[in-house]
Amino acid sequence: MKKIIIFLAFCLLSVGVASAQQNFSITSNSAGVVRLGMTIAQARKALKGYKLKRTSDGEGIALVEVSRKGKTVMTLQAGEENTDAPVNEKAKIEFIQVWDANYKTTAGIYPQMLVKDAEKKLGKVTKVITSEIE
């Protein structure tokens, strides 16, 4: 009986540690374990199990796609200009876009959330801005 209790305690502790390693918080300067000012190499190290690769957006800006199991989780902008160049591991992250709805702010706002649901938490939308390509 004592062995079973010790085993169950170990299992619960293991689950707690595993879930503590998953950080899905969005703050003013971070998304999960990725922070503004980190180098791409630091982000790659912090994002074990994720794939980082070169991508670009509709305006031709060089970005780094962060994906897991074939799903884009976030994109990072690190001041790189050449979309054909390999990712510069020393480049510092300047901007983070989060696409995965598992990531949330403390207010409970998350990517792909309906605007009407976000308005319930943040108030009515007062202005919408679109870029030239939109």
Protein backbone atom coordinates (compact mmCIF):
# COMPACT_ATOMS: atom_id res chain seq x y z
CA MET A 1 0.00 0.00 0.00
CA LYS A 2 2.84 2.39 0.88
CA LYS A 3 4.44 1.76 -2.55
CA ILE A 4 1.16 2.63 -4.30
CA ILE A 5 0.86 5.92 -2.40
CA ILE A 6 4.47 6.84 -3.19
CA PHE A 7 3.92 5.95 -6.86
CA LEU A 8 0.74 8.08 -7.05
CA ALA A 9 2.49 11.00 -5.36
CA PHE A 10 5.33 10.72 -7.88
CA CYS A 11 2.84 10.67 -10.78
CA LEU A 12 1.05 13.78 -9.50
CA LEU A 13 4.34 15.58 -8.98
CA SER A 14 5.45 14.65 -12.50
CA VAL A 15 2.22 15.98 -14.01
CA GLY A 16 2.64 19.23 -12.05
CA VAL A 17 6.20 19.71 -13.29
CA ALA A 18 5.23 18.94 -16.91
CA SER A 19 2.34 21.40 -16.87
CA ALA A 20 4.47 24.05 -15.16
CA GLN A 21 6.91 23.86 -18.08
CA GLN A 22 4.12 24.83 -20.49
CA ASN A 23 3.87 28.61 -20.42
CA PHE A 24 1.10 29.98 -22.62
CA SER A 25 0.99 33.50 -21.18
CA ILE A 26 0.94 36.55 -23.43
CA THR A 27 2.37 39.68 -21.79
CA SER A 28 3.48 43.06 -23.11
CA ASN A 29 6.97 41.70 -23.80
CA SER A 30 6.60 37.93 -24.13
CA ALA A 31 4.66 34.99 -25.49
CA GLY A 32 5.25 31.87 -23.45
CA VAL A 33 8.99 31.46 -23.00
CA VAL A 34 9.86 33.83 -25.86
CA ARG A 35 10.72 37.41 -24.85
CA LEU A 36 11.43 40.54 -26.81
CA GLY A 37 15.20 41.14 -26.92
CA MET A 38 16.09 37.43 -26.90
CA THR A 39 18.22 36.19 -29.75
CA ILE A 40 16.78 33.61 -32.11
CA ALA A 41 19.32 31.13 -30.68
CA GLN A 42 18.00 31.75 -27.15
CA ALA A 43 14.41 31.32 -28.36
CA ARG A 44 15.35 28.09 -30.17
CA LYS A 45 16.91 26.75 -26.95
CA ALA A 46 13.87 27.74 -24.86
CA LEU A 47 11.46 26.21 -27.40
CA LYS A 48 12.56 22.59 -27.20
CA GLY A 49 10.30 20.45 -29.38
CA TYR A 50 9.40 23.37 -31.68
CA LYS A 51 10.69 24.00 -35.19
CA LEU A 52 12.00 27.45 -36.17
CA LYS A 53 12.38 28.27 -39.86
CA ARG A 54 12.49 31.22 -42.26
CA THR A 55 9.21 32.59 -43.56
CA SER A 56 7.87 35.97 -44.68
CA ASP A 57 4.59 37.85 -44.64
CA GLY A 58 2.50 39.43 -47.40
CA GLU A 59 4.64 42.56 -47.32
CA GLY A 60 7.86 40.58 -47.84
CA ILE A 61 9.21 41.03 -44.31
CA ALA A 62 11.65 38.32 -43.20
CA LEU A 63 10.19 36.40 -40.26
CA VAL A 64 10.90 33.24 -38.28
CA GLU A 65 8.04 30.76 -38.06
CA VAL A 66 7.73 28.78 -34.82
CA SER A 67 5.76 25.58 -35.31
CA ARG A 68 4.96 22.38 -33.51
CA LYS A 69 3.55 19.24 -35.09
CA GLY A 70 3.05 21.13 -38.37
CA LYS A 71 0.99 23.93 -36.76
CA THR A 72 2.27 27.53 -36.71
CA VAL A 73 2.33 28.71 -33.11
CA MET A 74 3.90 32.15 -33.55
CA THR A 75 6.04 34.22 -35.89
CA LEU A 76 9.02 36.27 -34.77
CA GLN A 77 10.43 39.41 -36.36
CA ALA A 78 14.11 39.98 -35.61
CA GLY A 79 15.10 42.89 -37.84
CA GLU A 80 16.17 40.68 -40.71
CA GLU A 81 15.60 41.94 -44.23
CA ASN A 82 16.55 39.13 -46.62
CA THR A 83 13.75 36.55 -46.87
CA ASP A 84 16.07 34.20 -48.76
CA ALA A 85 18.87 34.26 -46.16
CA PRO A 86 19.15 31.62 -43.45
CA VAL A 87 17.81 32.62 -40.04
CA ASN A 88 20.35 34.75 -38.19
CA GLU A 89 20.71 33.04 -34.81
CA LYS A 90 22.20 36.24 -33.30
CA ALA A 91 19.31 38.49 -34.40
CA LYS A 92 17.26 39.91 -31.53
CA ILE A 93 13.52 39.42 -31.44
CA GLU A 94 11.70 42.73 -31.92
CA PHE A 95 8.11 41.59 -32.49
CA ILE A 96 6.08 38.46 -31.69
CA GLN A 97 2.83 37.44 -33.38
CA VAL A 98 0.94 34.60 -31.69
CA TRP A 99 -1.40 32.37 -33.71
CA ASP A 100 -2.11 29.52 -31.27
CA ALA A 101 -5.31 29.94 -29.22
CA ASN A 102 -3.70 28.17 -26.24
CA TYR A 103 -1.80 31.39 -25.53
CA LYS A 104 -3.77 33.89 -23.44
CA THR A 105 -3.38 37.24 -21.70
CA THR A 106 -4.23 37.59 -18.01
CA ALA A 107 -7.54 39.08 -19.18
CA GLY A 108 -8.28 35.86 -21.08
CA ILE A 109 -7.78 37.30 -24.58
CA TYR A 110 -6.38 34.83 -27.10
CA PRO A 111 -5.65 34.55 -30.84
CA GLN A 112 -8.68 33.74 -33.00
CA MET A 113 -11.05 34.95 -30.27
CA LEU A 114 -14.23 36.47 -31.65
CA VAL A 115 -14.24 40.26 -31.43
CA LYS A 116 -17.65 40.23 -29.71
CA ASP A 117 -16.19 38.00 -26.96
CA ALA A 118 -13.10 40.19 -26.57
CA GLU A 119 -15.34 43.26 -26.31
CA LYS A 120 -17.03 41.72 -23.28
CA LYS A 121 -13.67 41.76 -21.50
CA LEU A 122 -12.05 44.90 -22.95
CA GLY A 123 -14.90 47.14 -24.06
CA LYS A 124 -16.23 48.11 -27.48
CA VAL A 125 -13.91 48.45 -30.47
CA THR A 126 -13.44 52.15 -31.18
CA LYS A 127 -11.34 52.04 -34.35
CA VAL A 128 -10.31 49.55 -37.05
CA ILE A 129 -7.21 50.13 -39.18
CA THR A 130 -6.30 48.14 -42.29
CA SER A 131 -3.04 48.19 -44.22
CA GLU A 132 -2.67 48.70 -47.97
CA ILE A 133 -2.53 44.97 -48.70
CA GLU A 134 -5.68 44.29 -46.71
